[in-house]
Amino acid sequence: MNIVECTNISKIYKQGRVEVTALAEVSLSIEKGSFAALAGPSGSGKTTLLNIIGGLDVPDSGDVVVDGEALGGMNQARLAELRLHKVGFVFQAYNLIPVLSAVENVEFVMLLQGV
């Protein structure tokens, strides 16, 4: 079973009349229990793809399925729940809550998850 299935994902960013293609019909399958790495030069679409898989961004075309659930049409609350329980991010800037210690930041997410 695939934990992540992306089919023909495309994303184009528009800046005025200029269009920048971040992803052009990208398909990807990641099998449950496997390890995958996403590598490429700056501007190649890595972050865009990860943001789409995590429901932080929406593709212009294509389909994304995470753990058997199609992301297309999910509302923001359902996407937040998906991120809380099924998709984890470690951002470059860490995005920690500055008034909490590292342990308290981890504990906070665990409390949200009911652990």
N, C-alpha and C. Protein backbone atom coordinates (compact mmCIF):
# COMPACT_ATOMS: atom_id res chain seq x y z
N MET A 1 0.83 -1.18 0.00
CA MET A 1 0.00 0.00 0.00
C MET A 1 0.88 1.25 0.00
N ASN A 2 0.47 2.26 -0.76
CA ASN A 2 1.21 3.52 -0.79
C ASN A 2 0.68 4.45 0.29
N ILE A 3 1.58 5.06 1.04
CA ILE A 3 1.20 6.04 2.05
C ILE A 3 0.98 7.42 1.40
N VAL A 4 1.73 7.68 0.30
CA VAL A 4 1.58 8.92 -0.47
C VAL A 4 1.48 8.55 -1.94
N GLU A 5 0.50 9.12 -2.61
CA GLU A 5 0.32 8.89 -4.05
C GLU A 5 0.00 10.24 -4.69
N CYS A 6 0.91 10.72 -5.51
CA CYS A 6 0.69 11.96 -6.27
C CYS A 6 0.61 11.60 -7.75
N THR A 7 -0.40 12.10 -8.42
CA THR A 7 -0.60 11.78 -9.83
C THR A 7 -0.73 13.07 -10.63
N ASN A 8 0.22 13.27 -11.53
CA ASN A 8 0.21 14.41 -12.46
C ASN A 8 0.02 15.76 -11.78
N ILE A 9 0.80 16.01 -10.73
CA ILE A 9 0.71 17.26 -9.98
C ILE A 9 1.38 18.39 -10.74
N SER A 10 0.64 19.47 -10.93
CA SER A 10 1.20 20.68 -11.56
C SER A 10 0.89 21.87 -10.68
N LYS A 11 1.84 22.80 -10.62
CA LYS A 11 1.65 24.03 -9.85
C LYS A 11 2.38 25.15 -10.58
N ILE A 12 1.65 26.21 -10.87
CA ILE A 12 2.22 27.38 -11.54
C ILE A 12 1.96 28.59 -10.66
N TYR A 13 3.02 29.32 -10.35
CA TYR A 13 2.89 30.57 -9.60
C TYR A 13 2.88 31.72 -10.59
N LYS A 14 2.02 32.71 -10.33
CA LYS A 14 1.91 33.85 -11.23
C LYS A 14 2.35 35.11 -10.50
N GLN A 15 3.23 35.87 -11.16
CA GLN A 15 3.67 37.17 -10.65
C GLN A 15 3.38 38.18 -11.75
N GLY A 16 2.23 38.81 -11.66
CA GLY A 16 1.80 39.68 -12.74
C GLY A 16 1.51 38.85 -13.97
N ARG A 17 2.18 39.16 -15.07
CA ARG A 17 2.00 38.38 -16.30
C ARG A 17 3.02 37.25 -16.44
N VAL A 18 3.93 37.16 -15.48
CA VAL A 18 4.96 36.13 -15.53
C VAL A 18 4.47 34.88 -14.81
N GLU A 19 4.60 33.75 -15.47
CA GLU A 19 4.23 32.46 -14.87
C GLU A 19 5.49 31.64 -14.62
N VAL A 20 5.57 31.09 -13.41
CA VAL A 20 6.71 30.24 -13.04
C VAL A 20 6.16 28.85 -12.75
N THR A 21 6.58 27.88 -13.54
CA THR A 21 6.14 26.50 -13.33
C THR A 21 7.01 25.86 -12.25
N ALA A 22 6.39 25.57 -11.12
CA ALA A 22 7.11 24.93 -10.02
C ALA A 22 7.09 23.41 -10.17
N LEU A 23 5.95 22.88 -10.63
CA LEU A 23 5.80 21.44 -10.86
C LEU A 23 5.04 21.23 -12.15
N ALA A 24 5.50 20.30 -12.95
CA ALA A 24 4.84 20.00 -14.22
C ALA A 24 4.55 18.51 -14.31
N GLU A 25 3.31 18.14 -14.03
CA GLU A 25 2.84 16.75 -14.12
C GLU A 25 3.74 15.76 -13.39
N VAL A 26 3.99 16.04 -12.12
CA VAL A 26 4.84 15.18 -11.29
C VAL A 26 3.99 14.06 -10.70
N SER A 27 4.47 12.84 -10.83
CA SER A 27 3.82 11.69 -10.20
C SER A 27 4.82 11.04 -9.25
N LEU A 28 4.32 10.59 -8.11
CA LEU A 28 5.18 10.05 -7.06
C LEU A 28 4.39 9.06 -6.24
N SER A 29 5.01 7.94 -5.90
CA SER A 29 4.40 6.97 -5.00
C SER A 29 5.41 6.63 -3.92
N ILE A 30 4.97 6.68 -2.68
CA ILE A 30 5.82 6.29 -1.56
C ILE A 30 5.10 5.19 -0.80
N GLU A 31 5.73 4.04 -0.74
CA GLU A 31 5.13 2.88 -0.11
C GLU A 31 5.20 3.00 1.41
N LYS A 32 4.15 2.56 2.07
CA LYS A 32 4.09 2.59 3.54
C LYS A 32 5.29 1.83 4.11
N GLY A 33 5.96 2.45 5.09
CA GLY A 33 7.10 1.83 5.74
C GLY A 33 8.42 2.07 5.03
N SER A 34 8.39 2.72 3.88
CA SER A 34 9.64 2.96 3.15
C SER A 34 10.23 4.30 3.55
N PHE A 35 11.42 4.55 3.08
CA PHE A 35 12.14 5.80 3.33
C PHE A 35 12.34 6.48 1.99
N ALA A 36 12.07 7.76 1.92
CA ALA A 36 12.25 8.51 0.67
C ALA A 36 12.96 9.82 0.96
N ALA A 37 13.78 10.25 0.03
CA ALA A 37 14.45 11.54 0.12
C ALA A 37 14.14 12.33 -1.13
N LEU A 38 13.92 13.61 -0.96
CA LEU A 38 13.63 14.51 -2.07
C LEU A 38 14.80 15.47 -2.18
N ALA A 39 15.49 15.40 -3.31
CA ALA A 39 16.69 16.23 -3.49
C ALA A 39 16.64 16.91 -4.85
N GLY A 40 17.27 18.06 -4.92
CA GLY A 40 17.35 18.78 -6.18
C GLY A 40 17.84 20.19 -5.93
N PRO A 41 18.16 20.89 -6.99
CA PRO A 41 18.68 22.25 -6.84
C PRO A 41 17.60 23.22 -6.35
N SER A 42 18.04 24.35 -5.86
CA SER A 42 17.13 25.40 -5.44
C SER A 42 16.20 25.77 -6.59
N GLY A 43 14.91 25.87 -6.29
CA GLY A 43 13.94 26.25 -7.31
C GLY A 43 13.41 25.10 -8.13
N SER A 44 13.74 23.87 -7.75
CA SER A 44 13.29 22.72 -8.55
C SER A 44 11.91 22.19 -8.16
N GLY A 45 11.29 22.76 -7.10
CA GLY A 45 9.94 22.37 -6.73
C GLY A 45 9.82 21.46 -5.52
N LYS A 46 10.92 21.23 -4.82
CA LYS A 46 10.90 20.33 -3.66
C LYS A 46 9.91 20.81 -2.59
N THR A 47 10.05 22.05 -2.18
CA THR A 47 9.19 22.60 -1.14
C THR A 47 7.74 22.66 -1.61
N THR A 48 7.53 23.02 -2.84
CA THR A 48 6.17 23.07 -3.39
C THR A 48 5.53 21.69 -3.31
N LEU A 49 6.24 20.65 -3.71
CA LEU A 49 5.70 19.30 -3.66
C LEU A 49 5.39 18.89 -2.22
N LEU A 50 6.31 19.16 -1.29
CA LEU A 50 6.07 18.80 0.11
C LEU A 50 4.89 19.56 0.68
N ASN A 51 4.76 20.84 0.33
CA ASN A 51 3.62 21.63 0.80
C ASN A 51 2.30 21.09 0.26
N ILE A 52 2.31 20.60 -0.95
CA ILE A 52 1.10 20.02 -1.54
C ILE A 52 0.76 18.69 -0.86
N ILE A 53 1.77 17.85 -0.63
CA ILE A 53 1.53 16.57 0.05
C ILE A 53 0.99 16.80 1.45
N GLY A 54 1.46 17.84 2.12
CA GLY A 54 1.01 18.15 3.48
C GLY A 54 -0.25 18.98 3.54
N GLY A 55 -0.82 19.30 2.40
CA GLY A 55 -2.06 20.07 2.39
C GLY A 55 -1.89 21.53 2.74
N LEU A 56 -0.66 22.02 2.69
CA LEU A 56 -0.41 23.45 2.94
C LEU A 56 -0.64 24.27 1.69
N ASP A 57 -0.57 23.63 0.54
CA ASP A 57 -0.80 24.28 -0.74
C ASP A 57 -1.66 23.35 -1.60
N VAL A 58 -2.28 23.90 -2.62
CA VAL A 58 -3.18 23.14 -3.48
C VAL A 58 -2.60 23.11 -4.90
N PRO A 59 -2.54 21.94 -5.52
CA PRO A 59 -2.03 21.89 -6.89
C PRO A 59 -3.02 22.53 -7.87
N ASP A 60 -2.49 23.03 -8.98
CA ASP A 60 -3.37 23.55 -10.04
C ASP A 60 -4.06 22.41 -10.77
N SER A 61 -3.39 21.26 -10.82
CA SER A 61 -3.99 20.07 -11.41
C SER A 61 -3.32 18.84 -10.80
N GLY A 62 -4.00 17.72 -10.91
CA GLY A 62 -3.48 16.47 -10.37
C GLY A 62 -4.16 16.08 -9.08
N ASP A 63 -3.81 14.91 -8.59
CA ASP A 63 -4.44 14.35 -7.40
C ASP A 63 -3.40 13.93 -6.38
N VAL A 64 -3.74 14.12 -5.11
CA VAL A 64 -2.87 13.70 -4.00
C VAL A 64 -3.69 12.85 -3.05
N VAL A 65 -3.15 11.69 -2.70
CA VAL A 65 -3.78 10.80 -1.73
C VAL A 65 -2.75 10.51 -0.65
N VAL A 66 -3.13 10.72 0.61
CA VAL A 66 -2.25 10.45 1.75
C VAL A 66 -2.96 9.44 2.64
N ASP A 67 -2.33 8.31 2.85
CA ASP A 67 -2.87 7.23 3.67
C ASP A 67 -4.31 6.88 3.28
N GLY A 68 -4.53 6.80 1.97
CA GLY A 68 -5.82 6.39 1.45
C GLY A 68 -6.87 7.49 1.35
N GLU A 69 -6.52 8.72 1.74
CA GLU A 69 -7.47 9.82 1.71
C GLU A 69 -7.07 10.85 0.66
N ALA A 70 -7.99 11.16 -0.25
CA ALA A 70 -7.74 12.18 -1.27
C ALA A 70 -7.78 13.55 -0.63
N LEU A 71 -6.77 14.38 -0.89
CA LEU A 71 -6.71 15.72 -0.31
C LEU A 71 -7.63 16.70 -1.03
N GLY A 72 -7.89 16.46 -2.31
CA GLY A 72 -8.75 17.36 -3.07
C GLY A 72 -10.12 17.47 -2.43
N GLY A 73 -10.56 18.68 -2.18
CA GLY A 73 -11.87 18.90 -1.59
C GLY A 73 -11.90 18.91 -0.08
N MET A 74 -10.79 18.56 0.58
CA MET A 74 -10.77 18.61 2.04
C MET A 74 -10.80 20.07 2.49
N ASN A 75 -11.58 20.34 3.55
CA ASN A 75 -11.58 21.70 4.09
C ASN A 75 -10.35 21.91 4.98
N GLN A 76 -10.13 23.15 5.40
CA GLN A 76 -8.94 23.48 6.17
C GLN A 76 -8.88 22.73 7.50
N ALA A 77 -10.01 22.54 8.14
CA ALA A 77 -10.03 21.82 9.41
C ALA A 77 -9.59 20.37 9.22
N ARG A 78 -10.08 19.74 8.17
CA ARG A 78 -9.71 18.33 7.91
C ARG A 78 -8.24 18.23 7.53
N LEU A 79 -7.73 19.20 6.75
CA LEU A 79 -6.31 19.21 6.39
C LEU A 79 -5.43 19.40 7.63
N ALA A 80 -5.86 20.25 8.55
CA ALA A 80 -5.12 20.44 9.80
C ALA A 80 -5.09 19.15 10.61
N GLU A 81 -6.21 18.44 10.64
CA GLU A 81 -6.27 17.15 11.34
C GLU A 81 -5.33 16.13 10.69
N LEU A 82 -5.29 16.12 9.36
CA LEU A 82 -4.38 15.23 8.63
C LEU A 82 -2.93 15.52 9.00
N ARG A 83 -2.57 16.82 9.06
CA ARG A 83 -1.20 17.19 9.43
C ARG A 83 -0.90 16.83 10.87
N LEU A 84 -1.89 16.96 11.75
CA LEU A 84 -1.70 16.65 13.16
C LEU A 84 -1.40 15.17 13.37
N HIS A 85 -2.07 14.31 12.61
CA HIS A 85 -1.97 12.88 12.87
C HIS A 85 -1.17 12.07 11.85
N LYS A 86 -0.98 12.60 10.62
CA LYS A 86 -0.38 11.76 9.59
C LYS A 86 0.81 12.34 8.84
N VAL A 87 0.99 13.65 8.89
CA VAL A 87 2.08 14.27 8.13
C VAL A 87 2.87 15.16 9.08
N GLY A 88 4.17 14.94 9.17
CA GLY A 88 5.01 15.78 10.03
C GLY A 88 5.96 16.61 9.20
N PHE A 89 6.16 17.83 9.63
CA PHE A 89 7.10 18.74 8.95
C PHE A 89 8.18 19.18 9.91
N VAL A 90 9.41 19.26 9.43
CA VAL A 90 10.48 19.93 10.14
C VAL A 90 10.91 21.06 9.22
N PHE A 91 10.52 22.27 9.57
CA PHE A 91 10.81 23.42 8.73
C PHE A 91 12.25 23.88 8.93
N GLN A 92 12.80 24.52 7.90
CA GLN A 92 14.16 25.04 8.00
C GLN A 92 14.28 26.04 9.14
N ALA A 93 13.25 26.84 9.35
CA ALA A 93 13.27 27.84 10.41
C ALA A 93 12.72 27.28 11.73
N TYR A 94 12.42 25.99 11.75
CA TYR A 94 11.94 25.24 12.91
C TYR A 94 10.53 25.61 13.35
N ASN A 95 10.11 26.86 13.24
CA ASN A 95 8.76 27.30 13.61
C ASN A 95 8.34 26.85 15.01
N LEU A 96 9.26 26.95 15.95
CA LEU A 96 8.94 26.62 17.33
C LEU A 96 8.27 27.81 18.00
N ILE A 97 7.54 27.54 19.06
CA ILE A 97 6.93 28.61 19.84
C ILE A 97 8.04 29.16 20.75
N PRO A 98 8.46 30.41 20.53
CA PRO A 98 9.67 30.92 21.19
C PRO A 98 9.60 30.97 22.72
N VAL A 99 8.43 31.10 23.32
CA VAL A 99 8.35 31.18 24.77
C VAL A 99 8.38 29.81 25.44
N LEU A 100 8.36 28.74 24.63
CA LEU A 100 8.41 27.39 25.16
C LEU A 100 9.79 26.79 24.95
N SER A 101 10.18 25.88 25.84
CA SER A 101 11.43 25.14 25.65
C SER A 101 11.24 24.12 24.52
N ALA A 102 12.32 23.48 24.10
CA ALA A 102 12.21 22.45 23.07
C ALA A 102 11.29 21.32 23.52
N VAL A 103 11.43 20.90 24.77
CA VAL A 103 10.58 19.82 25.31
C VAL A 103 9.12 20.27 25.34
N GLU A 104 8.88 21.52 25.76
CA GLU A 104 7.51 22.02 25.83
C GLU A 104 6.90 22.13 24.43
N ASN A 105 7.70 22.46 23.41
CA ASN A 105 7.20 22.50 22.04
C ASN A 105 6.74 21.12 21.59
N VAL A 106 7.52 20.10 21.90
CA VAL A 106 7.14 18.71 21.56
C VAL A 106 5.91 18.30 22.36
N GLU A 107 5.91 18.64 23.63
CA GLU A 107 4.79 18.29 24.50
C GLU A 107 3.49 18.93 24.01
N PHE A 108 3.57 20.16 23.52
CA PHE A 108 2.40 20.88 23.04
C PHE A 108 1.71 20.10 21.90
N VAL A 109 2.50 19.65 20.93
CA VAL A 109 1.93 18.88 19.82
C VAL A 109 1.35 17.56 20.32
N MET A 110 2.04 16.93 21.25
CA MET A 110 1.53 15.67 21.79
C MET A 110 0.20 15.88 22.51
N LEU A 111 0.06 17.00 23.20
CA LEU A 111 -1.22 17.31 23.86
C LEU A 111 -2.32 17.49 22.83
N LEU A 112 -2.01 18.16 21.71
CA LEU A 112 -2.99 18.31 20.63
C LEU A 112 -3.42 16.96 20.08
N GLN A 113 -2.49 16.01 20.07
CA GLN A 113 -2.78 14.68 19.55
C GLN A 113 -3.46 13.79 20.58
N GLY A 114 -3.59 14.28 21.79
CA GLY A 114 -4.23 13.48 22.84
C GLY A 114 -3.32 12.44 23.47
N VAL A 115 -2.01 12.64 23.33
CA VAL A 115 -1.03 11.69 23.89
C VAL A 115 -0.68 12.09 25.30
